[in-house]
Every structure is written in structure tokens, then in C-alpha cells.
PDB file of N, CA and C in Angstrom:
ATOM      1  N   MET A   1       1.026  -1.090   0.259  1.00  0.00           N
ATOM      2  CA  MET A   1      -0.022   0.402   0.469  1.00  0.00           C
ATOM      3  C   MET A   1       1.158   1.507   0.210  1.00  0.00           C
ATOM      4  N   SER A   2       0.308   2.492  -0.886  1.00  0.00           N
ATOM      5  CA  SER A   2       1.446   3.839  -0.708  1.00  0.00           C
ATOM      6  C   SER A   2       1.112   4.270   0.516  1.00  0.00           C
ATOM      7  N   TYR A   3       1.101   5.042   0.683  1.00  0.00           N
ATOM      8  CA  TYR A   3       1.338   5.915   1.839  1.00  0.00           C
ATOM      9  C   TYR A   3      -0.170   6.648   1.482  1.00  0.00           C
ATOM     10  N   ASP A   4      -0.676   7.074   1.106  1.00  0.00           N
ATOM     11  CA  ASP A   4      -2.028   7.742   0.956  1.00  0.00           C
ATOM     12  C   ASP A   4      -3.143   6.552   0.843  1.00  0.00           C
ATOM     13  N   GLU A   5      -3.086   5.729   0.456  1.00  0.00           N
ATOM     14  CA  GLU A   5      -3.983   3.907   0.689  1.00  0.00           C
ATOM     15  C   GLU A   5      -3.256   3.956   2.418  1.00  0.00           C
ATOM     16  N   ALA A   6      -2.382   4.331   3.561  1.00  0.00           N
ATOM     17  CA  ALA A   6      -2.373   4.010   4.558  1.00  0.00           C
ATOM     18  C   ALA A   6      -3.243   5.150   5.128  1.00  0.00           C
ATOM     19  N   ILE A   7      -3.209   6.452   4.948  1.00  0.00           N
ATOM     20  CA  ILE A   7      -3.866   7.141   5.303  1.00  0.00           C
ATOM     21  C   ILE A   7      -5.787   6.875   5.031  1.00  0.00           C
ATOM     22  N   ALA A   8      -6.451   6.443   4.285  1.00  0.00           N
ATOM     23  CA  ALA A   8      -6.992   6.135   3.812  1.00  0.00           C
ATOM     24  C   ALA A   8      -7.608   5.046   4.548  1.00  0.00           C
ATOM     25  N   GLU A   9      -7.122   4.332   4.797  1.00  0.00           N
ATOM     26  CA  GLU A   9      -7.216   2.714   6.026  1.00  0.00           C
ATOM     27  C   GLU A   9      -7.536   2.823   6.970  1.00  0.00           C
ATOM     28  N   CYS A  10      -6.008   3.991   8.175  1.00  0.00           N
ATOM     29  CA  CYS A  10      -6.058   4.348   9.061  1.00  0.00           C
ATOM     30  C   CYS A  10      -7.862   5.200   9.449  1.00  0.00           C
ATOM     31  N   ALA A  11      -8.030   5.808   8.073  1.00  0.00           N
ATOM     32  CA  ALA A  11      -9.360   6.976   8.235  1.00  0.00           C
ATOM     33  C   ALA A  11     -10.696   5.860   8.133  1.00  0.00           C
ATOM     34  N   LYS A  12     -10.536   4.884   7.283  1.00  0.00           N
ATOM     35  CA  LYS A  12     -11.559   3.962   7.695  1.00  0.00           C
ATOM     36  C   LYS A  12     -12.625   3.310   8.913  1.00  0.00           C
ATOM     37  N   ASN A  13     -11.210   3.364  10.541  1.00  0.00           N
ATOM     38  CA  ASN A  13     -11.581   3.298  11.918  1.00  0.00           C
ATOM     39  C   ASN A  13     -11.399   4.762  12.066  1.00  0.00           C
ATOM     40  N   ARG A  14     -11.671   6.031  11.617  1.00  0.00           N
ATOM     41  CA  ARG A  14     -11.526   7.374  12.166  1.00  0.00           C
ATOM     42  C   ARG A  14     -10.367   7.324  13.082  1.00  0.00           C
ATOM     43  N   SER A  15      -9.004   6.786  12.824  1.00  0.00           N
ATOM     44  CA  SER A  15      -7.921   6.948  13.176  1.00  0.00           C
ATOM     45  C   SER A  15      -6.876   7.397  12.788  1.00  0.00           C
ATOM     46  N   LEU A  16      -5.005   7.865  12.629  1.00  0.00           N
ATOM     47  CA  LEU A  16      -4.203   8.447  11.900  1.00  0.00           C
ATOM     48  C   LEU A  16      -3.065   7.454  12.424  1.00  0.00           C
ATOM     49  N   LEU A  17      -1.984   7.846  11.447  1.00  0.00           N
ATOM     50  CA  LEU A  17      -1.133   7.113  10.804  1.00  0.00           C
ATOM     51  C   LEU A  17      -0.334   7.921  12.740  1.00  0.00           C
ATOM     52  N   ALA A  18       0.358   6.548  12.749  1.00  0.00           N
ATOM     53  CA  ALA A  18       0.727   5.774  14.318  1.00  0.00           C
ATOM     54  C   ALA A  18       1.567   6.995  14.278  1.00  0.00           C
ATOM     55  N   GLU A  19       2.213   8.002  15.999  1.00  0.00           N
ATOM     56  CA  GLU A  19       3.742   8.633  15.574  1.00  0.00           C
ATOM     57  C   GLU A  19       4.159   7.729  17.040  1.00  0.00           C
ATOM     58  N   ILE A  20       5.418   7.997  16.913  1.00  0.00           N
ATOM     59  CA  ILE A  20       6.411   7.015  17.947  1.00  0.00           C
ATOM     60  C   ILE A  20       7.123   7.913  18.388  1.00  0.00           C
ATOM     61  N   ARG A  21       7.209   7.893  20.040  1.00  0.00           N
ATOM     62  CA  ARG A  21       7.533   9.285  20.833  1.00  0.00           C
ATOM     63  C   ARG A  21       8.897   9.429  21.014  1.00  0.00           C
ATOM     64  N   ASP A  22       9.715   7.625  21.350  1.00  0.00           N
ATOM     65  CA  ASP A  22      10.730   8.231  21.787  1.00  0.00           C
ATOM     66  C   ASP A  22      11.328   6.063  20.884  1.00  0.00           C
ATOM     67  N   ARG A  23      13.019   6.006  21.940  1.00  0.00           N
ATOM     68  CA  ARG A  23      13.273   5.071  20.813  1.00  0.00           C
ATOM     69  C   ARG A  23      13.192   3.811  22.207  1.00  0.00           C
ATOM     70  N   THR A  24      12.278   4.325  23.420  1.00  0.00           N
ATOM     71  CA  THR A  24      11.709   3.037  24.274  1.00  0.00           C
ATOM     72  C   THR A  24      10.038   2.552  23.537  1.00  0.00           C
ATOM     73  N   GLN A  25      10.043   3.453  23.028  1.00  0.00           N
ATOM     74  CA  GLN A  25       8.300   3.520  22.650  1.00  0.00           C
ATOM     75  C   GLN A  25       8.768   2.065  21.035  1.00  0.00           C
ATOM     76  N   GLN A  26       9.715   3.585  20.452  1.00  0.00           N
ATOM     77  CA  GLN A  26       9.806   2.656  18.621  1.00  0.00           C
ATOM     78  C   GLN A  26      10.748   1.297  19.555  1.00  0.00           C
ATOM     79  N   THR A  27      11.515   0.455  20.262  1.00  0.00           N
ATOM     80  CA  THR A  27      11.206  -0.751  21.002  1.00  0.00           C
ATOM     81  C   THR A  27      10.293  -1.631  21.312  1.00  0.00           C
ATOM     82  N   GLU A  28       8.720  -0.887  22.362  1.00  0.00           N
ATOM     83  CA  GLU A  28       8.512  -1.737  22.180  1.00  0.00           C
ATOM     84  C   GLU A  28       7.021  -1.763  21.250  1.00  0.00           C
ATOM     85  N   LEU A  29       6.952  -1.117  20.108  1.00  0.00           N
ATOM     86  CA  LEU A  29       6.562  -1.235  19.472  1.00  0.00           C
ATOM     87  C   LEU A  29       7.216  -2.004  18.144  1.00  0.00           C
ATOM     88  N   TYR A  30       8.518  -1.935  17.987  1.00  0.00           N
ATOM     89  CA  TYR A  30       9.576  -3.506  17.614  1.00  0.00           C
ATOM     90  C   TYR A  30       8.685  -4.537  18.060  1.00  0.00           C
ATOM     91  N   ASP A  31       8.617  -4.838  18.878  1.00  0.00           N
ATOM     92  CA  ASP A  31       9.037  -6.125  19.625  1.00  0.00           C
ATOM     93  C   ASP A  31       7.400  -6.615  19.478  1.00  0.00           C
ATOM     94  N   PHE A  32       6.337  -6.033  19.585  1.00  0.00           N
ATOM     95  CA  PHE A  32       4.997  -5.805  18.922  1.00  0.00           C
ATOM     96  C   PHE A  32       5.005  -6.547  17.800  1.00  0.00           C
ATOM     97  N   LEU A  33       4.975  -6.000  16.897  1.00  0.00           N
ATOM     98  CA  LEU A  33       5.616  -6.194  15.186  1.00  0.00           C
ATOM     99  C   LEU A  33       5.327  -7.222  15.035  1.00  0.00           C
ATOM    100  N   LEU A  34       6.681  -7.492  15.205  1.00  0.00           N
ATOM    101  CA  LEU A  34       7.571  -8.442  14.869  1.00  0.00           C
ATOM    102  C   LEU A  34       6.874 -10.033  15.277  1.00  0.00           C
ATOM    103  N   THR A  35       5.972  -9.826  16.606  1.00  0.00           N
ATOM    104  CA  THR A  35       4.673 -10.738  17.009  1.00  0.00           C
ATOM    105  C   THR A  35       4.425 -11.584  16.097  1.00  0.00           C
ATOM    106  N   LYS A  36       3.857 -10.230  15.423  1.00  0.00           N
ATOM    107  CA  LYS A  36       2.952 -10.506  14.652  1.00  0.00           C
ATOM    108  C   LYS A  36       2.912 -11.182  12.682  1.00  0.00           C
ATOM    109  N   MET A  37       4.852 -10.739  13.124  1.00  0.00           N
ATOM    110  CA  MET A  37       4.776 -11.637  11.806  1.00  0.00           C
ATOM    111  C   MET A  37       4.569 -13.511  11.514  1.00  0.00           C
ATOM    112  N   PRO A  38       4.797 -13.502  10.758  1.00  0.00           N
ATOM    113  CA  PRO A  38       4.439 -15.010  10.587  1.00  0.00           C
ATOM    114  C   PRO A  38       5.998 -15.494  10.793  1.00  0.00           C
ATOM    115  N   PRO A  39       6.344 -16.755  11.366  1.00  0.00           N
ATOM    116  CA  PRO A  39       7.865 -17.402  10.828  1.00  0.00           C
ATOM    117  C   PRO A  39       7.694 -17.434   9.595  1.00  0.00           C
ATOM    118  N   ASP A  40       7.261 -17.722   8.864  1.00  0.00           N
ATOM    119  CA  ASP A  40       7.241 -18.342   6.779  1.00  0.00           C
ATOM    120  C   ASP A  40       7.189 -16.590   6.021  1.00  0.00           C
ATOM    121  N   ALA A  41       7.389 -15.426   6.466  1.00  0.00           N
ATOM    122  CA  ALA A  41       6.664 -13.911   6.370  1.00  0.00           C
ATOM    123  C   ALA A  41       8.052 -14.164   5.647  1.00  0.00           C
ATOM    124  N   LEU A  42       7.814 -12.632   4.768  1.00  0.00           N
ATOM    125  CA  LEU A  42       8.762 -12.069   4.336  1.00  0.00           C
ATOM    126  C   LEU A  42      10.030 -11.697   5.256  1.00  0.00           C
ATOM    127  N   THR A  43      10.961 -11.756   4.639  1.00  0.00           N
ATOM    128  CA  THR A  43      12.386 -11.516   5.634  1.00  0.00           C
ATOM    129  C   THR A  43      11.725 -10.107   6.587  1.00  0.00           C
ATOM    130  N   TYR A  44      11.169  -8.870   5.862  1.00  0.00           N
ATOM    131  CA  TYR A  44      11.072  -7.894   6.693  1.00  0.00           C
ATOM    132  C   TYR A  44       9.913  -7.556   6.027  1.00  0.00           C
ATOM    133  N   ALA A  45       9.296  -5.936   7.240  1.00  0.00           N
ATOM    134  CA  ALA A  45       8.019  -5.555   6.781  1.00  0.00           C
ATOM    135  C   ALA A  45       8.585  -4.185   7.168  1.00  0.00           C
ATOM    136  N   ASP A  46       7.807  -3.405   6.258  1.00  0.00           N
ATOM    137  CA  ASP A  46       7.793  -2.205   6.200  1.00  0.00           C
ATOM    138  C   ASP A  46       6.881  -1.503   6.974  1.00  0.00           C
ATOM    139  N   ILE A  47       6.723  -0.892   8.026  1.00  0.00           N
ATOM    140  CA  ILE A  47       4.872  -0.087   8.765  1.00  0.00           C
ATOM    141  C   ILE A  47       4.932   1.170   8.209  1.00  0.00           C
ATOM    142  N   TRP A  48       3.922   1.460   7.360  1.00  0.00           N
ATOM    143  CA  TRP A  48       4.265   3.011   7.555  1.00  0.00           C
ATOM    144  C   TRP A  48       3.989   3.842   8.609  1.00  0.00           C
ATOM    145  N   ILE A  49       4.021   4.698   9.237  1.00  0.00           N
ATOM    146  CA  ILE A  49       3.656   6.028  10.705  1.00  0.00           C
ATOM    147  C   ILE A  49       3.739   7.064   9.706  1.00  0.00           C
ATOM    148  N   GLY A  50       3.075   8.271  11.248  1.00  0.00           N
ATOM    149  CA  GLY A  50       2.856   9.530  10.696  1.00  0.00           C
ATOM    150  C   GLY A  50       3.443  10.445  11.191  1.00  0.00           C
ATOM    151  N   MET A  51       4.471   9.946  11.471  1.00  0.00           N
ATOM    152  CA  MET A  51       5.617  11.990  11.328  1.00  0.00           C
ATOM    153  C   MET A  51       6.466  11.807   9.891  1.00  0.00           C
ATOM    154  N   GLU A  52       7.147  12.414   9.503  1.00  0.00           N
ATOM    155  CA  GLU A  52       7.529  13.201   8.257  1.00  0.00           C
ATOM    156  C   GLU A  52       9.213  13.810   8.979  1.00  0.00           C
ATOM    157  N   TYR A  53      10.202  13.513   7.370  1.00  0.00           N
ATOM    158  CA  TYR A  53      11.047  13.430   7.681  1.00  0.00           C
ATOM    159  C   TYR A  53      11.544  14.828   6.743  1.00  0.00           C
ATOM    160  N   GLU A  54      11.335  16.198   6.681  1.00  0.00           N
ATOM    161  CA  GLU A  54      11.752  17.128   5.940  1.00  0.00           C
ATOM    162  C   GLU A  54      12.915  18.137   5.835  1.00  0.00           C
ATOM    163  N   ARG A  55      13.739  18.486   5.162  1.00  0.00           N
ATOM    164  CA  ARG A  55      14.595  18.933   5.316  1.00  0.00           C
ATOM    165  C   ARG A  55      16.031  19.026   6.563  1.00  0.00           C
ATOM    166  N   SER A  56      16.340  18.099   6.700  1.00  0.00           N
ATOM    167  CA  SER A  56      17.032  17.119   7.881  1.00  0.00           C
ATOM    168  C   SER A  56      16.195  17.777   9.708  1.00  0.00           C
ATOM    169  N   THR A  57      15.285  17.237   9.100  1.00  0.00           N
ATOM    170  CA  THR A  57      14.386  17.664  10.430  1.00  0.00           C
ATOM    171  C   THR A  57      13.285  16.468  10.230  1.00  0.00           C
ATOM    172  N   LEU A  58      12.870  15.952  11.732  1.00  0.00           N
ATOM    173  CA  LEU A  58      12.060  15.301  11.813  1.00  0.00           C
ATOM    174  C   LEU A  58      10.485  15.484  12.481  1.00  0.00           C
ATOM    175  N   HIS A  59       9.523  15.373  12.174  1.00  0.00           N
ATOM    176  CA  HIS A  59       8.472  16.621  12.125  1.00  0.00           C
ATOM    177  C   HIS A  59       7.169  15.260  13.233  1.00  0.00           C
ATOM    178  N   TYR A  60       6.373  15.756  13.765  1.00  0.00           N
ATOM    179  CA  TYR A  60       5.265  15.266  14.443  1.00  0.00           C
ATOM    180  C   TYR A  60       4.242  15.783  13.160  1.00  0.00           C
ATOM    181  N   ARG A  61       2.421  15.362  13.610  1.00  0.00           N
ATOM    182  CA  ARG A  61       1.892  15.574  12.508  1.00  0.00           C
ATOM    183  C   ARG A  61       1.285  17.209  12.929  1.00  0.00           C
ATOM    184  N   SER A  62       1.493  17.801  14.223  1.00  0.00           N
ATOM    185  CA  SER A  62       1.688  18.922  14.953  1.00  0.00           C
ATOM    186  C   SER A  62       2.213  19.876  14.345  1.00  0.00           C
ATOM    187  N   GLY A  63       3.364  19.369  13.673  1.00  0.00           N
ATOM    188  CA  GLY A  63       4.404  20.335  13.077  1.00  0.00           C
ATOM    189  C   GLY A  63       5.440  20.344  13.775  1.00  0.00           C
ATOM    190  N   ASP A  64       5.263  19.653  15.290  1.00  0.00           N
ATOM    191  CA  ASP A  64       6.489  19.782  16.578  1.00  0.00           C
ATOM    192  C   ASP A  64       7.791  18.931  16.050  1.00  0.00           C
ATOM    193  N   GLU A  65       8.843  20.283  15.604  1.00  0.00           N
ATOM    194  CA  GLU A  65       9.725  18.873  15.426  1.00  0.00           C
ATOM    195  C   GLU A  65      10.489  17.926  16.508  1.00  0.00           C
ATOM    196  N   ILE A  66      11.367  16.943  16.149  1.00  0.00           N
ATOM    197  CA  ILE A  66      12.051  16.171  17.249  1.00  0.00           C
ATOM    198  C   ILE A  66      13.486  15.966  16.761  1.00  0.00           C
ATOM    199  N   SER A  67      13.900  15.728  17.297  1.00  0.00           N
ATOM    200  CA  SER A  67      14.890  15.492  17.030  1.00  0.00           C
ATOM    201  C   SER A  67      15.477  13.862  16.163  1.00  0.00           C
ATOM    202  N   SER A  68      16.124  13.750  15.460  1.00  0.00           N
ATOM    203  CA  SER A  68      16.153  11.872  14.376  1.00  0.00           C
ATOM    204  C   SER A  68      17.295  10.763  15.493  1.00  0.00           C
ATOM    205  N   SER A  69      17.946  11.949  15.766  1.00  0.00           N
ATOM    206  CA  SER A  69      18.277  11.081  16.668  1.00  0.00           C
ATOM    207  C   SER A  69      18.237  10.390  18.174  1.00  0.00           C
ATOM    208  N   ARG A  70      16.880  10.306  18.606  1.00  0.00           N
ATOM    209  CA  ARG A  70      16.164   9.879  19.641  1.00  0.00           C
ATOM    210  C   ARG A  70      15.531   8.820  18.980  1.00  0.00           C
ATOM    211  N   PHE A  71      15.419   8.478  17.947  1.00  0.00           N
ATOM    212  CA  PHE A  71      15.455   7.164  17.700  1.00  0.00           C
ATOM    213  C   PHE A  71      16.202   6.062  16.930  1.00  0.00           C
ATOM    214  N   HIS A  72      15.894   5.279  16.057  1.00  0.00           N
ATOM    215  CA  HIS A  72      17.167   3.720  16.178  1.00  0.00           C
ATOM    216  C   HIS A  72      16.441   3.477  14.282  1.00  0.00           C
ATOM    217  N   TRP A  73      17.394   3.924  13.749  1.00  0.00           N
ATOM    218  CA  TRP A  73      17.127   3.974  12.409  1.00  0.00           C
ATOM    219  C   TRP A  73      18.217   2.801  11.038  1.00  0.00           C
ATOM    220  N   ILE A  74      17.667   2.772  10.271  1.00  0.00           N
ATOM    221  CA  ILE A  74      18.732   1.501   9.388  1.00  0.00           C
ATOM    222  C   ILE A  74      19.143   2.530   8.315  1.00  0.00           C
ATOM    223  N   PRO A  75      20.495   1.665   8.317  1.00  0.00           N
ATOM    224  CA  PRO A  75      22.127   2.246   8.211  1.00  0.00           C
ATOM    225  C   PRO A  75      21.877   3.158   7.661  1.00  0.00           C
ATOM    226  N   ASN A  76      22.234   4.058   6.923  1.00  0.00           N
ATOM    227  CA  ASN A  76      22.097   4.944   6.156  1.00  0.00           C
ATOM    228  C   ASN A  76      21.026   5.697   6.005  1.00  0.00           C
ATOM    229  N   ASP A  77      20.086   5.705   6.252  1.00  0.00           N
ATOM    230  CA  ASP A  77      18.866   6.952   7.373  1.00  0.00           C
ATOM    231  C   ASP A  77      18.786   7.739   8.363  1.00  0.00           C
ATOM    232  N   PRO A  78      18.481   8.408   7.838  1.00  0.00           N
ATOM    233  CA  PRO A  78      17.684   9.307   7.339  1.00  0.00           C
ATOM    234  C   PRO A  78      18.175   9.673   6.142  1.00  0.00           C
ATOM    235  N   SER A  79      17.207   9.291   4.635  1.00  0.00           N
ATOM    236  CA  SER A  79      18.009   9.752   3.131  1.00  0.00           C
ATOM    237  C   SER A  79      17.842  11.081   3.011  1.00  0.00           C
ATOM    238  N   PRO A  80      18.549  11.871   2.544  1.00  0.00           N
ATOM    239  CA  PRO A  80      18.190  12.845   1.845  1.00  0.00           C
ATOM    240  C   PRO A  80      17.991  13.158   0.792  1.00  0.00           C
ATOM    241  N   GLY A  81      16.834  14.320   0.525  1.00  0.00           N
ATOM    242  CA  GLY A  81      16.486  14.349  -0.001  1.00  0.00           C
ATOM    243  C   GLY A  81      14.343  14.515  -0.118  1.00  0.00           C
ATOM    244  N   SER A  82      14.144  14.079  -1.241  1.00  0.00           N
ATOM    245  CA  SER A  82      12.300  13.570  -1.206  1.00  0.00           C
ATOM    246  C   SER A  82      11.819  12.874  -0.084  1.00  0.00           C
ATOM    247  N   TYR A  83      12.176  11.969   0.146  1.00  0.00           N
ATOM    248  CA  TYR A  83      11.957  10.653   0.927  1.00  0.00           C
ATOM    249  C   TYR A  83      11.345  11.256   2.245  1.00  0.00           C
ATOM    250  N   LYS A  84      10.770  12.200   2.296  1.00  0.00           N
ATOM    251  CA  LYS A  84       9.842  12.572   3.333  1.00  0.00           C
ATOM    252  C   LYS A  84       8.942  12.031   4.624  1.00  0.00           C
ATOM    253  N   TYR A  85       8.369  10.950   3.619  1.00  0.00           N
ATOM    254  CA  TYR A  85       7.443   9.816   4.685  1.00  0.00           C
ATOM    255  C   TYR A  85       8.261   8.359   5.129  1.00  0.00           C
ATOM    256  N   LEU A  86       7.898   8.190   6.562  1.00  0.00           N
ATOM    257  CA  LEU A  86       8.441   7.475   7.469  1.00  0.00           C
ATOM    258  C   LEU A  86       7.630   5.479   7.613  1.00  0.00           C
ATOM    259  N   MET A  87       8.191   4.619   7.670  1.00  0.00           N
ATOM    260  CA  MET A  87       7.668   3.606   8.187  1.00  0.00           C
ATOM    261  C   MET A  87       8.468   3.253   8.750  1.00  0.00           C
ATOM    262  N   ILE A  88       8.048   2.145  10.089  1.00  0.00           N
ATOM    263  CA  ILE A  88       9.298   1.089  10.560  1.00  0.00           C
ATOM    264  C   ILE A  88       9.297   0.207   9.929  1.00  0.00           C
ATOM    265  N   ARG A  89      10.763  -0.292   9.644  1.00  0.00           N
ATOM    266  CA  ARG A  89      10.896  -1.797   9.404  1.00  0.00           C
ATOM    267  C   ARG A  89      11.525  -3.279  10.475  1.00  0.00           C
ATOM    268  N   VAL A  90      10.605  -4.032  10.259  1.00  0.00           N
ATOM    269  CA  VAL A  90      10.583  -5.054  10.940  1.00  0.00           C
ATOM    270  C   VAL A  90      11.507  -5.965  10.133  1.00  0.00           C
ATOM    271  N   LYS A  91      12.204  -6.830  10.935  1.00  0.00           N
ATOM    272  CA  LYS A  91      13.266  -7.854  10.429  1.00  0.00           C
ATOM    273  C   LYS A  91      12.282  -8.818  10.516  1.00  0.00           C
ATOM    274  N   ASN A  92      12.356  -9.998  10.236  1.00  0.00           N
ATOM    275  CA  ASN A  92      12.446 -11.298  10.329  1.00  0.00           C
ATOM    276  C   ASN A  92      13.997 -12.413   9.694  1.00  0.00           C
ATOM    277  N   SER A  93      14.999 -11.536  10.465  1.00  0.00           N
ATOM    278  CA  SER A  93      15.769 -12.629   9.454  1.00  0.00           C
ATOM    279  C   SER A  93      16.626 -11.889  10.369  1.00  0.00           C
ATOM    280  N   GLU A  94      17.768 -12.020  10.556  1.00  0.00           N
ATOM    281  CA  GLU A  94      19.198 -11.255  10.918  1.00  0.00           C
ATOM    282  C   GLU A  94      19.957 -10.629   9.946  1.00  0.00           C
ATOM    283  N   SER A  95      19.376 -11.159   8.264  1.00  0.00           N
ATOM    284  CA  SER A  95      20.487 -10.463   7.577  1.00  0.00           C
ATOM    285  C   SER A  95      19.759  -8.798   6.952  1.00  0.00           C
ATOM    286  N   THR A  96      18.817  -8.952   7.851  1.00  0.00           N
ATOM    287  CA  THR A  96      17.462  -7.004   7.238  1.00  0.00           C
ATOM    288  C   THR A  96      18.119  -6.545   8.380  1.00  0.00           C
ATOM    289  N   ASP A  97      17.972  -4.985   7.846  1.00  0.00           N
ATOM    290  CA  ASP A  97      18.119  -4.276   8.839  1.00  0.00           C
ATOM    291  C   ASP A  97      17.241  -3.353   9.522  1.00  0.00           C
ATOM    292  N   PHE A  98      16.808  -3.598  10.913  1.00  0.00           N
ATOM    293  CA  PHE A  98      15.361  -2.873  10.963  1.00  0.00           C
ATOM    294  C   PHE A  98      15.971  -0.994  11.679  1.00  0.00           C
ATOM    295  N   GLY A  99      14.556  -0.696  11.901  1.00  0.00           N
ATOM    296  CA  GLY A  99      14.673   0.956  12.704  1.00  0.00           C
ATOM    297  C   GLY A  99      13.699   1.443  11.754  1.00  0.00           C
ATOM    298  N   LEU A 100      13.814   2.876  12.093  1.00  0.00           N
ATOM    299  CA  LEU A 100      12.997   4.085  11.190  1.00  0.00           C
ATOM    300  C   LEU A 100      13.785   4.271  10.044  1.00  0.00           C
ATOM    301  N   HIS A 101      12.882   4.361   8.441  1.00  0.00           N
ATOM    302  CA  HIS A 101      13.093   4.050   7.100  1.00  0.00           C
ATOM    303  C   HIS A 101      11.912   5.776   6.756  1.00  0.00           C
ATOM    304  N   ASN A 102      13.015   6.543   5.856  1.00  0.00           N
ATOM    305  CA  ASN A 102      12.128   7.626   5.106  1.00  0.00           C
ATOM    306  C   ASN A 102      12.163   6.550   4.422  1.00  0.00           C
ATOM    307  N   TYR A 103      10.855   7.231   3.621  1.00  0.00           N
ATOM    308  CA  TYR A 103      10.749   6.612   1.804  1.00  0.00           C
ATOM    309  C   TYR A 103       9.899   7.927   0.667  1.00  0.00           C
ATOM    310  N   ASN A 104       9.820   7.307  -0.232  1.00  0.00           N
ATOM    311  CA  ASN A 104       8.552   7.392  -0.627  1.00  0.00           C
ATOM    312  C   ASN A 104       7.226   7.380  -1.282  1.00  0.00           C
ATOM    313  N   LYS A 105       6.510   8.465  -1.065  1.00  0.00           N
ATOM    314  CA  LYS A 105       5.647   8.003  -0.496  1.00  0.00           C
ATOM    315  C   LYS A 105       4.553   7.052  -1.520  1.00  0.00           C
ATOM    316  N   LEU A 106       4.875   6.980  -2.948  1.00  0.00           N
ATOM    317  CA  LEU A 106       3.875   6.097  -3.766  1.00  0.00           C
ATOM    318  C   LEU A 106       5.020   4.407  -4.436  1.00  0.00           C
ATOM    319  N   PHE A 107       5.455   4.550  -3.103  1.00  0.00           N
ATOM    320  CA  PHE A 107       6.096   2.953  -3.386  1.00  0.00           C
ATOM    321  C   PHE A 107       5.062   1.841  -2.180  1.00  0.00           C
ATOM    322  N   PRO A 108       4.740   1.230  -2.984  1.00  0.00           N
ATOM    323  CA  PRO A 108       3.596   0.883  -1.658  1.00  0.00           C
ATOM    324  C   PRO A 108       4.549  -0.125  -1.000  1.00  0.00           C
ATOM    325  N   ARG A 109       3.985  -0.699   0.485  1.00  0.00           N
ATOM    326  CA  ARG A 109       4.811  -0.835   1.128  1.00  0.00           C
ATOM    327  C   ARG A 109       3.743  -2.166   2.320  1.00  0.00           C
ATOM    328  N   HIS A 110       4.327  -2.308   2.902  1.00  0.00           N
ATOM    329  CA  HIS A 110       3.767  -3.517   3.628  1.00  0.00           C
ATOM    330  C   HIS A 110       2.259  -3.413   4.764  1.00  0.00           C
ATOM    331  N   GLY A 111       2.066  -2.472   4.819  1.00  0.00           N
ATOM    332  CA  GLY A 111       0.964  -2.276   5.915  1.00  0.00           C
ATOM    333  C   GLY A 111       1.528  -0.576   6.678  1.00  0.00           C
ATOM    334  N   VAL A 112       0.341  -0.679   7.686  1.00  0.00           N
ATOM    335  CA  VAL A 112       0.728   0.673   8.322  1.00  0.00           C
ATOM    336  C   VAL A 112       0.070   0.383  10.200  1.00  0.00           C
ATOM    337  N   LEU A 113       0.584   1.697  10.460  1.00  0.00           N
ATOM    338  CA  LEU A 113       0.427   1.192  11.712  1.00  0.00           C
ATOM    339  C   LEU A 113      -0.501   2.539  12.222  1.00  0.00           C
ATOM    340  N   CYS A 114      -2.133   2.124  12.775  1.00  0.00           N
ATOM    341  CA  CYS A 114      -2.848   3.775  13.265  1.00  0.00           C
ATOM    342  C   CYS A 114      -3.027   3.606  14.862  1.00  0.00           C
ATOM    343  N   GLU A 115      -3.235   4.896  14.843  1.00  0.00           N
ATOM    344  CA  GLU A 115      -4.245   5.117  16.571  1.00  0.00           C
ATOM    345  C   GLU A 115      -5.243   6.079  16.571  1.00  0.00           C
ATOM    346  N   LYS A 116      -5.454   6.093  17.248  1.00  0.00           N
ATOM    347  CA  LYS A 116      -6.699   6.971  17.842  1.00  0.00           C
ATOM    348  C   LYS A 116      -6.245   8.047  18.525  1.00  0.00           C
TER     349      LYS A 116
END
């Protein structure tokens, strides 16, 4: 699903894309999502979330800025350029990096995390 499809999916349940507050919550969320992946699933899943990375700054929906260093990112991210939409990568294999990842909103990903 694309980022816009992820927004629509959350809206069906009167929800918004989830935001992560800090590394502790990111770790708890990661551990929870990992339990939802079947053992025979993909080696990783990219799940859209509701924060944005633009001009070297991480933002919540409210527009409030937050330091990107408060989170674990996959290696070489956050990427510069137009990839401002965020996902959390959950791995099901030791060979795949995990953490936050910024990406192009048009490219389909595996799912979405919503919050009320």
C-alpha cells in the first residue's frame, strides 16, 4: 500500500497514522510487531507511520520538531532528498536491518500502523 492508501486505511477506523514518541516506545512497538509476523513471512515488513522527515528535520503531525537522534534508523537513513514519509522496518531475519526508514510515498509498502 502507498502512503496515501495507508492514510485512507486509518481513516476508515477514524484513526491517524501512528506516531512514535521515543526510542523506548519504538523498541516496544518493534517487539510487538515482530510477534505479529508469521515465521514464514517476508524477511522484513515496512509499516507506514505518521511522522515526516523534511529538510533534515523530523516532524510530528502537529508540526512539532523532534530530534532524529532519539530513534533507531536503518543504516544510511534518514536519507536526504524527497523521501519525507516514514515507516518502521520490522525484520524477520538477521540479514535485514531494522529501524525507522524514510521513503517515497508512492512506492507500496507492507502495511500501516494507526492510532486513535
